[in-house]
Amino acid sequence: MTSPRSESQRDVWANYAGKGAAYFGSERADYVAALPRDANVLEIGCGSGATGELALSLGRAATYCGVELEPSAGMSAAAKLTEVVVGDVEAIDLPWTPGSFDALILSEVLEHLRDPWATLSKLRPLLSPGAVVYASSPNVAHQRIIRMLIAGDWRLEKEGPMDATHLRWFTPSSYAAMFAECGFVVDVVQPLSPLTTKQRMLSALTRRPHLFWWQIDLRAHIPS
């Protein structure tokens, strides 16, 4: 495990001091199932390493590297994964050579960054031709958030789509556009969780399916 630290990074870490262990410990079994077998995987915001540990145990990953901002979570991940760098991905130099990875996972992380466009551009050279990308973030165009805005409100919370640590906000179309602008080929943009029957009906009636997507799930790849 490497751990480049600075005073500014400690200031960023302080924003997450109140997060419980569960915040850093959830796994993305859906992304693990989609990984090409024996992939070399990079996860940004790897938390305590639950997703990588699952991928390695199931043989979905040959190697699994991570970057994690929060020190204690990063230390936990380092005991499970191939390599972990603890630090702010926006501020540190990453140790890997171009084309090192076959897959990139960005689960609920881009909304926390100051400049996610710059970070995506920084990560792209690390991916091999044909590498796959799995990313998810909250959808600011969800009808509950729109109703809140219509009421003249903007309430930040401890967790969820209105988490107070979020710095960037995306709609499905703006999320896809960001990846395309940074040189990724976007394959699928969909809701992270399946819509209910009622939501599907309302989506068809309004012709505004994004109103019912609580989170955005994007799949992309690097051109071969």
Protein backbone atom coordinates (compact mmCIF):
# COMPACT_ATOMS: atom_id res chain seq x y z
CA MET A 1 0.00 0.00 0.00
CA THR A 2 1.26 3.48 -0.83
CA SER A 3 -0.06 6.53 1.00
CA PRO A 4 0.88 9.95 -0.38
CA ARG A 5 -0.46 12.54 2.08
CA SER A 6 -0.71 16.31 2.20
CA GLU A 7 -2.41 18.91 4.40
CA SER A 8 -5.05 19.53 1.71
CA GLN A 9 -5.83 15.81 1.49
CA ARG A 10 -6.35 15.64 5.26
CA ASP A 11 -8.84 18.50 4.89
CA VAL A 12 -10.76 16.47 2.28
CA TRP A 13 -10.69 13.35 4.47
CA ALA A 14 -12.27 15.33 7.30
CA ASN A 15 -15.47 15.62 5.25
CA TYR A 16 -15.94 11.84 5.58
CA ALA A 17 -15.17 11.57 9.29
CA GLY A 18 -18.82 10.93 10.18
CA LYS A 19 -19.33 8.12 7.68
CA GLY A 20 -19.82 4.68 9.18
CA ALA A 21 -17.98 1.51 8.18
CA ALA A 22 -20.89 0.43 5.97
CA TYR A 23 -20.32 3.49 3.77
CA PHE A 24 -16.90 2.14 2.76
CA GLY A 25 -17.73 -1.56 2.94
CA SER A 26 -20.48 -2.19 0.40
CA GLU A 27 -19.74 -4.44 -2.58
CA ARG A 28 -20.88 -4.10 -6.18
CA ALA A 29 -21.75 -7.69 -7.08
CA ASP A 30 -23.40 -6.49 -10.32
CA TYR A 31 -20.14 -5.00 -11.57
CA VAL A 32 -18.15 -8.05 -10.47
CA ALA A 33 -20.50 -10.34 -12.44
CA ALA A 34 -19.98 -8.20 -15.55
CA LEU A 35 -16.17 -8.20 -15.40
CA PRO A 36 -14.26 -10.07 -18.08
CA ARG A 37 -12.72 -13.14 -16.47
CA ASP A 38 -9.16 -12.75 -15.15
CA ALA A 39 -9.26 -9.00 -15.73
CA ASN A 40 -6.76 -6.54 -14.34
CA VAL A 41 -9.10 -4.14 -12.53
CA LEU A 42 -8.72 -0.61 -11.19
CA GLU A 43 -11.33 0.79 -8.80
CA ILE A 44 -11.40 4.43 -7.79
CA GLY A 45 -12.99 4.84 -4.39
CA CYS A 46 -12.42 1.20 -3.48
CA GLY A 47 -13.50 1.73 0.14
CA SER A 48 -12.46 -1.14 2.39
CA GLY A 49 -12.04 -3.45 -0.62
CA ALA A 50 -15.29 -5.45 -0.57
CA THR A 51 -15.87 -5.34 -4.33
CA GLY A 52 -12.29 -6.25 -5.14
CA GLU A 53 -12.24 -9.04 -2.59
CA LEU A 54 -15.34 -10.55 -4.20
CA ALA A 55 -13.89 -10.22 -7.71
CA LEU A 56 -10.65 -11.93 -6.70
CA SER A 57 -12.41 -14.73 -4.81
CA LEU A 58 -14.63 -15.52 -7.81
CA GLY A 59 -11.79 -15.41 -10.33
CA ARG A 60 -13.27 -12.40 -12.10
CA ALA A 61 -10.04 -10.48 -11.52
CA ALA A 62 -6.43 -11.57 -11.92
CA THR A 63 -5.29 -8.40 -10.17
CA TYR A 64 -7.36 -5.74 -8.43
CA CYS A 65 -5.91 -2.33 -7.61
CA GLY A 66 -7.65 0.52 -5.86
CA VAL A 67 -7.42 4.17 -4.91
CA GLU A 68 -9.10 5.23 -1.69
CA LEU A 69 -9.29 8.65 -0.06
CA GLU A 70 -10.10 7.61 3.52
CA PRO A 71 -7.03 6.20 5.29
CA SER A 72 -8.60 3.54 7.53
CA ALA A 73 -10.73 2.17 4.70
CA GLY A 74 -7.67 2.16 2.44
CA MET A 75 -5.66 0.20 5.02
CA SER A 76 -8.43 -2.37 5.20
CA ALA A 77 -8.52 -2.63 1.41
CA ALA A 78 -4.75 -3.07 1.23
CA ALA A 79 -5.05 -6.34 3.17
CA LYS A 80 -7.43 -7.73 0.53
CA LEU A 81 -6.41 -6.31 -2.83
CA THR A 82 -3.35 -6.50 -5.07
CA GLU A 83 -2.34 -2.88 -4.53
CA VAL A 84 -3.98 0.13 -2.92
CA VAL A 85 -3.00 3.79 -3.10
CA VAL A 86 -4.39 5.95 -0.30
CA GLY A 87 -4.93 9.56 -1.34
CA ASP A 88 -6.96 12.02 -3.37
CA VAL A 89 -7.09 10.70 -6.94
CA GLU A 90 -7.34 14.27 -8.18
CA ALA A 91 -4.13 15.35 -6.47
CA ILE A 92 -1.74 12.40 -6.60
CA ASP A 93 0.38 10.76 -9.27
CA LEU A 94 -0.82 7.22 -9.95
CA PRO A 95 1.91 4.55 -10.05
CA TRP A 96 0.63 2.42 -12.92
CA THR A 97 1.86 2.40 -16.51
CA PRO A 98 -0.34 3.08 -19.56
CA GLY A 99 -2.55 0.18 -20.61
CA SER A 100 -2.27 -1.60 -17.24
CA PHE A 101 -5.99 -2.33 -16.74
CA ASP A 102 -8.77 -4.19 -18.55
CA ALA A 103 -11.54 -2.71 -16.41
CA LEU A 104 -12.27 0.46 -14.45
CA ILE A 105 -14.91 0.74 -11.71
CA LEU A 106 -16.19 4.12 -10.54
CA SER A 107 -19.02 3.29 -8.15
CA GLU A 108 -20.63 6.38 -6.60
CA VAL A 109 -17.40 8.38 -6.76
CA LEU A 110 -17.43 10.96 -9.58
CA GLU A 111 -20.00 13.13 -7.79
CA HIS A 112 -17.48 13.61 -4.96
CA LEU A 113 -14.75 15.05 -7.18
CA ARG A 114 -13.91 18.66 -7.85
CA ASP A 115 -13.18 18.01 -11.53
CA PRO A 116 -14.40 14.57 -12.64
CA TRP A 117 -13.64 15.44 -16.28
CA ALA A 118 -9.95 15.87 -15.48
CA THR A 119 -9.94 12.65 -13.47
CA LEU A 120 -11.49 10.63 -16.29
CA SER A 121 -8.91 12.06 -18.69
CA LYS A 122 -6.18 11.12 -16.20
CA LEU A 123 -7.46 7.55 -15.87
CA ARG A 124 -8.09 6.82 -19.54
CA PRO A 125 -4.43 6.18 -20.51
CA LEU A 126 -4.20 3.52 -17.79
CA LEU A 127 -6.79 1.40 -19.65
CA SER A 128 -5.92 -1.06 -22.40
CA PRO A 129 -7.70 -1.01 -25.79
CA GLY A 130 -11.12 -2.64 -25.37
CA ALA A 131 -11.12 -2.12 -21.58
CA VAL A 132 -14.55 -1.85 -19.98
CA VAL A 133 -15.78 0.87 -17.64
CA TYR A 134 -18.57 0.61 -15.06
CA ALA A 135 -19.72 3.79 -13.33
CA SER A 136 -22.67 4.95 -11.28
CA SER A 137 -23.75 8.23 -9.68
CA PRO A 138 -26.98 9.80 -8.36
CA ASN A 139 -29.43 11.35 -10.82
CA VAL A 140 -30.17 14.99 -9.99
CA ALA A 141 -33.11 14.92 -12.44
CA HIS A 142 -35.11 12.48 -10.29
CA GLN A 143 -38.66 13.67 -9.71
CA ARG A 144 -38.21 13.92 -5.93
CA ILE A 145 -35.29 16.32 -6.35
CA ILE A 146 -37.17 18.32 -8.99
CA ARG A 147 -40.16 18.61 -6.64
CA MET A 148 -37.83 19.85 -3.92
CA LEU A 149 -36.46 22.52 -6.28
CA ILE A 150 -39.96 23.58 -7.33
CA ALA A 151 -40.70 24.11 -3.64
CA GLY A 152 -37.65 26.38 -3.48
CA ASP A 153 -35.62 23.98 -1.35
CA TRP A 154 -32.22 22.29 -1.57
CA ARG A 155 -31.65 20.04 1.44
CA LEU A 156 -28.33 18.26 1.81
CA GLU A 157 -28.30 15.07 3.86
CA LYS A 158 -25.85 12.66 5.48
CA GLU A 159 -26.21 10.05 2.73
CA GLY A 160 -28.04 9.25 -0.48
CA PRO A 161 -28.36 11.36 -3.65
CA MET A 162 -28.33 14.58 -1.62
CA ASP A 163 -25.22 13.61 0.37
CA ALA A 164 -23.51 16.75 1.65
CA THR A 165 -20.13 15.47 0.40
CA HIS A 166 -21.29 15.57 -3.25
CA LEU A 167 -19.64 18.33 -5.25
CA ARG A 168 -20.99 17.54 -8.74
CA TRP A 169 -24.49 16.75 -9.99
CA PHE A 170 -25.45 14.75 -13.09
CA THR A 171 -28.44 13.85 -15.24
CA PRO A 172 -28.26 10.68 -17.35
CA SER A 173 -27.49 12.69 -20.49
CA SER A 174 -24.85 14.92 -18.88
CA TYR A 175 -23.20 11.86 -17.31
CA ALA A 176 -22.92 10.14 -20.68
CA ALA A 177 -21.69 13.35 -22.30
CA MET A 178 -18.88 13.67 -19.73
CA PHE A 179 -17.55 10.19 -20.53
CA ALA A 180 -17.81 10.79 -24.29
CA GLU A 181 -15.96 14.11 -23.96
CA CYS A 182 -13.13 12.31 -22.18
CA GLY A 183 -12.66 9.72 -24.93
CA PHE A 184 -14.79 6.81 -23.71
CA VAL A 185 -17.32 5.02 -25.90
CA VAL A 186 -20.61 4.93 -23.98
CA ASP A 187 -22.50 1.65 -24.50
CA VAL A 188 -25.37 1.81 -22.01
CA VAL A 189 -26.94 4.43 -19.75
CA GLN A 190 -29.69 2.98 -17.56
CA PRO A 191 -31.19 3.14 -14.08
CA LEU A 192 -29.09 1.34 -11.50
CA SER A 193 -32.18 -0.34 -10.03
CA PRO A 194 -35.03 -1.71 -12.19
CA LEU A 195 -38.10 0.50 -12.31
CA THR A 196 -41.30 -0.70 -10.68
CA THR A 197 -44.38 -1.39 -12.78
CA LYS A 198 -45.86 1.96 -11.72
CA GLN A 199 -42.64 3.79 -12.59
CA ARG A 200 -42.53 2.14 -16.01
CA MET A 201 -46.09 3.23 -16.69
CA LEU A 202 -45.42 6.80 -15.58
CA SER A 203 -42.23 6.83 -17.58
CA ALA A 204 -44.14 5.83 -20.72
CA LEU A 205 -46.88 8.39 -20.07
CA THR A 206 -44.53 11.30 -19.41
CA ARG A 207 -41.89 10.26 -21.93
CA ARG A 208 -39.39 11.36 -19.31
CA PRO A 209 -37.83 8.13 -18.01
CA HIS A 210 -35.04 10.00 -16.22
CA LEU A 211 -37.59 11.30 -13.70
CA PHE A 212 -37.68 7.84 -12.09
CA TRP A 213 -33.97 6.93 -12.13
CA TRP A 214 -32.65 7.35 -8.59
CA GLN A 215 -29.11 6.46 -9.72
CA ILE A 216 -27.41 6.38 -13.10
CA ASP A 217 -25.62 3.21 -14.25
CA LEU A 218 -23.22 3.70 -17.17
CA ARG A 219 -21.25 1.09 -19.11
CA ALA A 220 -18.54 2.19 -21.52
CA HIS A 221 -15.36 0.95 -23.16
CA ILE A 222 -12.07 2.09 -24.65
CA PRO A 223 -11.89 1.81 -28.46
CA SER A 224 -9.77 -1.11 -29.66
